[in-house]
PDB file of N, CA and C in Angstrom:
ATOM      1  N   MET A   1       3.257  11.054 -11.021  1.00  0.00           N
ATOM      2  CA  MET A   1       1.888  11.474 -10.790  1.00  0.00           C
ATOM      3  C   MET A   1       1.833  12.751  -9.957  1.00  0.00           C
ATOM      4  N   THR A   2       2.900  13.062  -9.268  1.00  0.00           N
ATOM      5  CA  THR A   2       2.908  14.259  -8.431  1.00  0.00           C
ATOM      6  C   THR A   2       2.790  15.518  -9.288  1.00  0.00           C
ATOM      7  N   ILE A   3       3.461  15.522 -10.435  1.00  0.00           N
ATOM      8  CA  ILE A   3       3.403  16.703 -11.307  1.00  0.00           C
ATOM      9  C   ILE A   3       1.978  16.913 -11.798  1.00  0.00           C
ATOM     10  N   LEU A   4       1.318  15.836 -12.174  1.00  0.00           N
ATOM     11  CA  LEU A   4      -0.052  15.958 -12.656  1.00  0.00           C
ATOM     12  C   LEU A   4      -0.984  16.436 -11.540  1.00  0.00           C
ATOM     13  N   LYS A   5      -0.752  15.970 -10.319  1.00  0.00           N
ATOM     14  CA  LYS A   5      -1.577  16.404  -9.190  1.00  0.00           C
ATOM     15  C   LYS A   5      -1.397  17.904  -8.942  1.00  0.00           C
ATOM     16  N   TRP A   6      -0.160  18.387  -9.007  1.00  0.00           N
ATOM     17  CA  TRP A   6       0.080  19.819  -8.809  1.00  0.00           C
ATOM     18  C   TRP A   6      -0.539  20.633  -9.938  1.00  0.00           C
ATOM     19  N   ALA A   7      -0.493  20.105 -11.162  1.00  0.00           N
ATOM     20  CA  ALA A   7      -1.125  20.812 -12.281  1.00  0.00           C
ATOM     21  C   ALA A   7      -2.628  20.936 -12.054  1.00  0.00           C
ATOM     22  N   LEU A   8      -3.253  19.877 -11.558  1.00  0.00           N
ATOM     23  CA  LEU A   8      -4.690  19.930 -11.277  1.00  0.00           C
ATOM     24  C   LEU A   8      -5.003  20.885 -10.130  1.00  0.00           C
ATOM     25  N   ILE A   9      -4.139  20.927  -9.120  1.00  0.00           N
ATOM     26  CA  ILE A   9      -4.339  21.859  -8.002  1.00  0.00           C
ATOM     27  C   ILE A   9      -4.267  23.303  -8.498  1.00  0.00           C
ATOM     28  N   PHE A  10      -3.273  23.614  -9.319  1.00  0.00           N
ATOM     29  CA  PHE A  10      -3.162  24.976  -9.839  1.00  0.00           C
ATOM     30  C   PHE A  10      -4.307  25.301 -10.785  1.00  0.00           C
ATOM     31  N   LEU A  11      -4.814  24.300 -11.501  1.00  0.00           N
ATOM     32  CA  LEU A  11      -5.973  24.530 -12.356  1.00  0.00           C
ATOM     33  C   LEU A  11      -7.196  24.892 -11.520  1.00  0.00           C
ATOM     34  N   LEU A  12      -7.402  24.181 -10.422  1.00  0.00           N
ATOM     35  CA  LEU A  12      -8.524  24.498  -9.542  1.00  0.00           C
ATOM     36  C   LEU A  12      -8.370  25.875  -8.904  1.00  0.00           C
ATOM     37  N   ILE A  13      -7.153  26.219  -8.507  1.00  0.00           N
ATOM     38  CA  ILE A  13      -6.900  27.555  -7.956  1.00  0.00           C
ATOM     39  C   ILE A  13      -7.222  28.615  -8.999  1.00  0.00           C
ATOM     40  N   SER A  14      -6.843  28.356 -10.226  1.00  0.00           N
ATOM     41  CA  SER A  14      -7.111  29.300 -11.307  1.00  0.00           C
ATOM     42  C   SER A  14      -8.610  29.481 -11.529  1.00  0.00           C
ATOM     43  N   ILE A  15      -9.361  28.387 -11.510  1.00  0.00           N
ATOM     44  CA  ILE A  15     -10.804  28.483 -11.725  1.00  0.00           C
ATOM     45  C   ILE A  15     -11.478  29.236 -10.587  1.00  0.00           C
ATOM     46  N   VAL A  16     -11.098  28.910  -9.348  1.00  0.00           N
ATOM     47  CA  VAL A  16     -11.695  29.590  -8.193  1.00  0.00           C
ATOM     48  C   VAL A  16     -11.325  31.070  -8.193  1.00  0.00           C
ATOM     49  N   ALA A  17     -10.087  31.387  -8.486  1.00  0.00           N
ATOM     50  CA  ALA A  17      -9.666  32.791  -8.512  1.00  0.00           C
ATOM     51  C   ALA A  17     -10.371  33.551  -9.633  1.00  0.00           C
ATOM     52  N   GLY A  18     -10.584  32.883 -10.763  1.00  0.00           N
ATOM     53  CA  GLY A  18     -11.300  33.526 -11.860  1.00  0.00           C
ATOM     54  C   GLY A  18     -12.746  33.803 -11.508  1.00  0.00           C
ATOM     55  N   VAL A  19     -13.394  32.863 -10.826  1.00  0.00           N
ATOM     56  CA  VAL A  19     -14.787  33.058 -10.415  1.00  0.00           C
ATOM     57  C   VAL A  19     -14.901  34.196  -9.404  1.00  0.00           C
ATOM     58  N   LEU A  20     -13.926  34.295  -8.507  1.00  0.00           N
ATOM     59  CA  LEU A  20     -13.965  35.334  -7.484  1.00  0.00           C
ATOM     60  C   LEU A  20     -13.476  36.694  -7.985  1.00  0.00           C
ATOM     61  N   GLY A  21     -12.957  36.752  -9.202  1.00  0.00           N
ATOM     62  CA  GLY A  21     -12.565  38.030  -9.782  1.00  0.00           C
ATOM     63  C   GLY A  21     -11.099  38.382  -9.662  1.00  0.00           C
ATOM     64  N   PHE A  22     -10.286  37.465  -9.175  1.00  0.00           N
ATOM     65  CA  PHE A  22      -8.850  37.716  -9.078  1.00  0.00           C
ATOM     66  C   PHE A  22      -8.187  37.287 -10.385  1.00  0.00           C
ATOM     67  N   THR A  23      -8.231  38.159 -11.373  1.00  0.00           N
ATOM     68  CA  THR A  23      -7.773  37.764 -12.705  1.00  0.00           C
ATOM     69  C   THR A  23      -6.266  37.561 -12.774  1.00  0.00           C
ATOM     70  N   GLY A  24      -5.499  38.341 -12.026  1.00  0.00           N
ATOM     71  CA  GLY A  24      -4.043  38.194 -12.047  1.00  0.00           C
ATOM     72  C   GLY A  24      -3.611  36.857 -11.484  1.00  0.00           C
ATOM     73  N   ILE A  25      -4.190  36.489 -10.354  1.00  0.00           N
ATOM     74  CA  ILE A  25      -3.865  35.211  -9.734  1.00  0.00           C
ATOM     75  C   ILE A  25      -4.359  34.069 -10.616  1.00  0.00           C
ATOM     76  N   SER A  26      -5.519  34.262 -11.212  1.00  0.00           N
ATOM     77  CA  SER A  26      -6.087  33.240 -12.081  1.00  0.00           C
ATOM     78  C   SER A  26      -5.183  32.991 -13.287  1.00  0.00           C
ATOM     79  N   ALA A  27      -4.705  34.034 -13.904  1.00  0.00           N
ATOM     80  CA  ALA A  27      -3.842  33.882 -15.076  1.00  0.00           C
ATOM     81  C   ALA A  27      -2.508  33.240 -14.702  1.00  0.00           C
ATOM     82  N   ALA A  28      -1.954  33.651 -13.575  1.00  0.00           N
ATOM     83  CA  ALA A  28      -0.667  33.095 -13.157  1.00  0.00           C
ATOM     84  C   ALA A  28      -0.781  31.611 -12.822  1.00  0.00           C
ATOM     85  N   SER A  29      -1.813  31.239 -12.091  1.00  0.00           N
ATOM     86  CA  SER A  29      -1.951  29.823 -11.735  1.00  0.00           C
ATOM     87  C   SER A  29      -2.323  28.985 -12.955  1.00  0.00           C
ATOM     88  N   ALA A  30      -3.039  29.556 -13.912  1.00  0.00           N
ATOM     89  CA  ALA A  30      -3.333  28.829 -15.145  1.00  0.00           C
ATOM     90  C   ALA A  30      -2.053  28.580 -15.942  1.00  0.00           C
ATOM     91  N   ASP A  31      -1.163  29.565 -15.964  1.00  0.00           N
ATOM     92  CA  ASP A  31       0.120  29.375 -16.653  1.00  0.00           C
ATOM     93  C   ASP A  31       0.957  28.297 -15.978  1.00  0.00           C
ATOM     94  N   ILE A  32       0.971  28.294 -14.657  1.00  0.00           N
ATOM     95  CA  ILE A  32       1.718  27.266 -13.926  1.00  0.00           C
ATOM     96  C   ILE A  32       1.125  25.894 -14.190  1.00  0.00           C
ATOM     97  N   ALA A  33      -0.196  25.800 -14.168  1.00  0.00           N
ATOM     98  CA  ALA A  33      -0.865  24.521 -14.425  1.00  0.00           C
ATOM     99  C   ALA A  33      -0.567  24.027 -15.840  1.00  0.00           C
ATOM    100  N   ARG A  34      -0.598  24.920 -16.802  1.00  0.00           N
ATOM    101  CA  ARG A  34      -0.310  24.550 -18.191  1.00  0.00           C
ATOM    102  C   ARG A  34       1.132  24.055 -18.321  1.00  0.00           C
ATOM    103  N   PHE A  35       2.067  24.764 -17.704  1.00  0.00           N
ATOM    104  CA  PHE A  35       3.466  24.373 -17.766  1.00  0.00           C
ATOM    105  C   PHE A  35       3.688  23.001 -17.127  1.00  0.00           C
ATOM    106  N   LEU A  36       3.109  22.779 -15.948  1.00  0.00           N
ATOM    107  CA  LEU A  36       3.271  21.484 -15.279  1.00  0.00           C
ATOM    108  C   LEU A  36       2.631  20.351 -16.083  1.00  0.00           C
ATOM    109  N   PHE A  37       1.508  20.623 -16.716  1.00  0.00           N
ATOM    110  CA  PHE A  37       0.870  19.606 -17.535  1.00  0.00           C
ATOM    111  C   PHE A  37       1.752  19.230 -18.718  1.00  0.00           C
ATOM    112  N   TYR A  38       2.345  20.221 -19.378  1.00  0.00           N
ATOM    113  CA  TYR A  38       3.222  19.923 -20.503  1.00  0.00           C
ATOM    114  C   TYR A  38       4.464  19.158 -20.061  1.00  0.00           C
ATOM    115  N   VAL A  39       5.021  19.498 -18.904  1.00  0.00           N
ATOM    116  CA  VAL A  39       6.160  18.749 -18.372  1.00  0.00           C
ATOM    117  C   VAL A  39       5.763  17.301 -18.118  1.00  0.00           C
ATOM    118  N   PHE A  40       4.572  17.107 -17.547  1.00  0.00           N
ATOM    119  CA  PHE A  40       4.078  15.751 -17.303  1.00  0.00           C
ATOM    120  C   PHE A  40       3.933  14.980 -18.608  1.00  0.00           C
ATOM    121  N   VAL A  41       3.385  15.595 -19.632  1.00  0.00           N
ATOM    122  CA  VAL A  41       3.192  14.915 -20.917  1.00  0.00           C
ATOM    123  C   VAL A  41       4.532  14.546 -21.536  1.00  0.00           C
ATOM    124  N   VAL A  42       5.506  15.436 -21.470  1.00  0.00           N
ATOM    125  CA  VAL A  42       6.826  15.142 -22.039  1.00  0.00           C
ATOM    126  C   VAL A  42       7.487  13.985 -21.301  1.00  0.00           C
ATOM    127  N   ILE A  43       7.445  14.007 -19.978  1.00  0.00           N
ATOM    128  CA  ILE A  43       8.039  12.915 -19.199  1.00  0.00           C
ATOM    129  C   ILE A  43       7.321  11.605 -19.481  1.00  0.00           C
ATOM    130  N   PHE A  44       5.993  11.646 -19.579  1.00  0.00           N
ATOM    131  CA  PHE A  44       5.223  10.450 -19.883  1.00  0.00           C
ATOM    132  C   PHE A  44       5.607   9.874 -21.244  1.00  0.00           C
ATOM    133  N   LEU A  45       5.710  10.725 -22.261  1.00  0.00           N
ATOM    134  CA  LEU A  45       6.051  10.238 -23.599  1.00  0.00           C
ATOM    135  C   LEU A  45       7.461   9.671 -23.656  1.00  0.00           C
ATOM    136  N   VAL A  46       8.404  10.318 -22.976  1.00  0.00           N
ATOM    137  CA  VAL A  46       9.775   9.805 -22.955  1.00  0.00           C
ATOM    138  C   VAL A  46       9.821   8.436 -22.293  1.00  0.00           C
ATOM    139  N   LEU A  47       9.159   8.295 -21.164  1.00  0.00           N
ATOM    140  CA  LEU A  47       9.159   7.000 -20.481  1.00  0.00           C
ATOM    141  C   LEU A  47       8.396   5.946 -21.272  1.00  0.00           C
ATOM    142  N   LEU A  48       7.358   6.345 -21.977  1.00  0.00           N
ATOM    143  CA  LEU A  48       6.617   5.406 -22.814  1.00  0.00           C
ATOM    144  C   LEU A  48       7.483   4.901 -23.956  1.00  0.00           C
ATOM    145  N   ILE A  49       8.203   5.793 -24.607  1.00  0.00           N
ATOM    146  CA  ILE A  49       9.084   5.397 -25.708  1.00  0.00           C
ATOM    147  C   ILE A  49      10.218   4.519 -25.194  1.00  0.00           C
ATOM    148  N   LEU A  50      10.795   4.887 -24.051  1.00  0.00           N
ATOM    149  CA  LEU A  50      11.854   4.059 -23.478  1.00  0.00           C
ATOM    150  C   LEU A  50      11.326   2.686 -23.084  1.00  0.00           C
ATOM    151  N   GLY A  51      10.142   2.642 -22.546  1.00  0.00           N
ATOM    152  CA  GLY A  51       9.555   1.371 -22.147  1.00  0.00           C
ATOM    153  C   GLY A  51       9.261   0.468 -23.320  1.00  0.00           C
ATOM    154  N   LEU A  52       8.915   1.059 -24.453  1.00  0.00           N
ATOM    155  CA  LEU A  52       8.606   0.262 -25.630  1.00  0.00           C
ATOM    156  C   LEU A  52       9.837  -0.156 -26.418  1.00  0.00           C
ATOM    157  N   THR A  53      10.939   0.532 -26.231  1.00  0.00           N
ATOM    158  CA  THR A  53      12.126   0.236 -27.040  1.00  0.00           C
ATOM    159  C   THR A  53      13.267  -0.352 -26.205  1.00  0.00           C
ATOM    160  N   ILE A  54      13.886   0.459 -25.402  1.00  0.00           N
ATOM    161  CA  ILE A  54      15.119   0.065 -24.724  1.00  0.00           C
ATOM    162  C   ILE A  54      14.868  -0.996 -23.672  1.00  0.00           C
ATOM    163  N   PHE A  55      13.914  -0.766 -22.807  1.00  0.00           N
ATOM    164  CA  PHE A  55      13.716  -1.701 -21.698  1.00  0.00           C
ATOM    165  C   PHE A  55      13.099  -3.017 -22.145  1.00  0.00           C
ATOM    166  N   ARG A  56      12.462  -3.038 -23.283  1.00  0.00           N
ATOM    167  CA  ARG A  56      11.875  -4.271 -23.803  1.00  0.00           C
ATOM    168  C   ARG A  56      12.945  -5.186 -24.391  1.00  0.00           C
ATOM    169  N   ALA A  57      14.012  -4.592 -24.918  1.00  0.00           N
ATOM    170  CA  ALA A  57      15.062  -5.370 -25.568  1.00  0.00           C
ATOM    171  C   ALA A  57      15.935  -6.115 -24.573  1.00  0.00           C
ATOM    172  N   SER A  58      15.994  -5.659 -23.342  1.00  0.00           N
ATOM    173  CA  SER A  58      16.898  -6.314 -22.393  1.00  0.00           C
ATOM    174  C   SER A  58      16.286  -7.444 -21.630  1.00  0.00           C
TER     175      SER A  58
END
């Protein structure tokens, strides 16, 4: 859950920076937020598949 929390923090930073006119900071933090969100989704899917297959069999 920590990765998702950091992704949300960077998303909020991106929105605030965009509203205030800091487009460079906004774009950079949006990219970081997007990357962290995708990492979270990949880890979630891997653990979901493992939970449904390997750990259920034992």
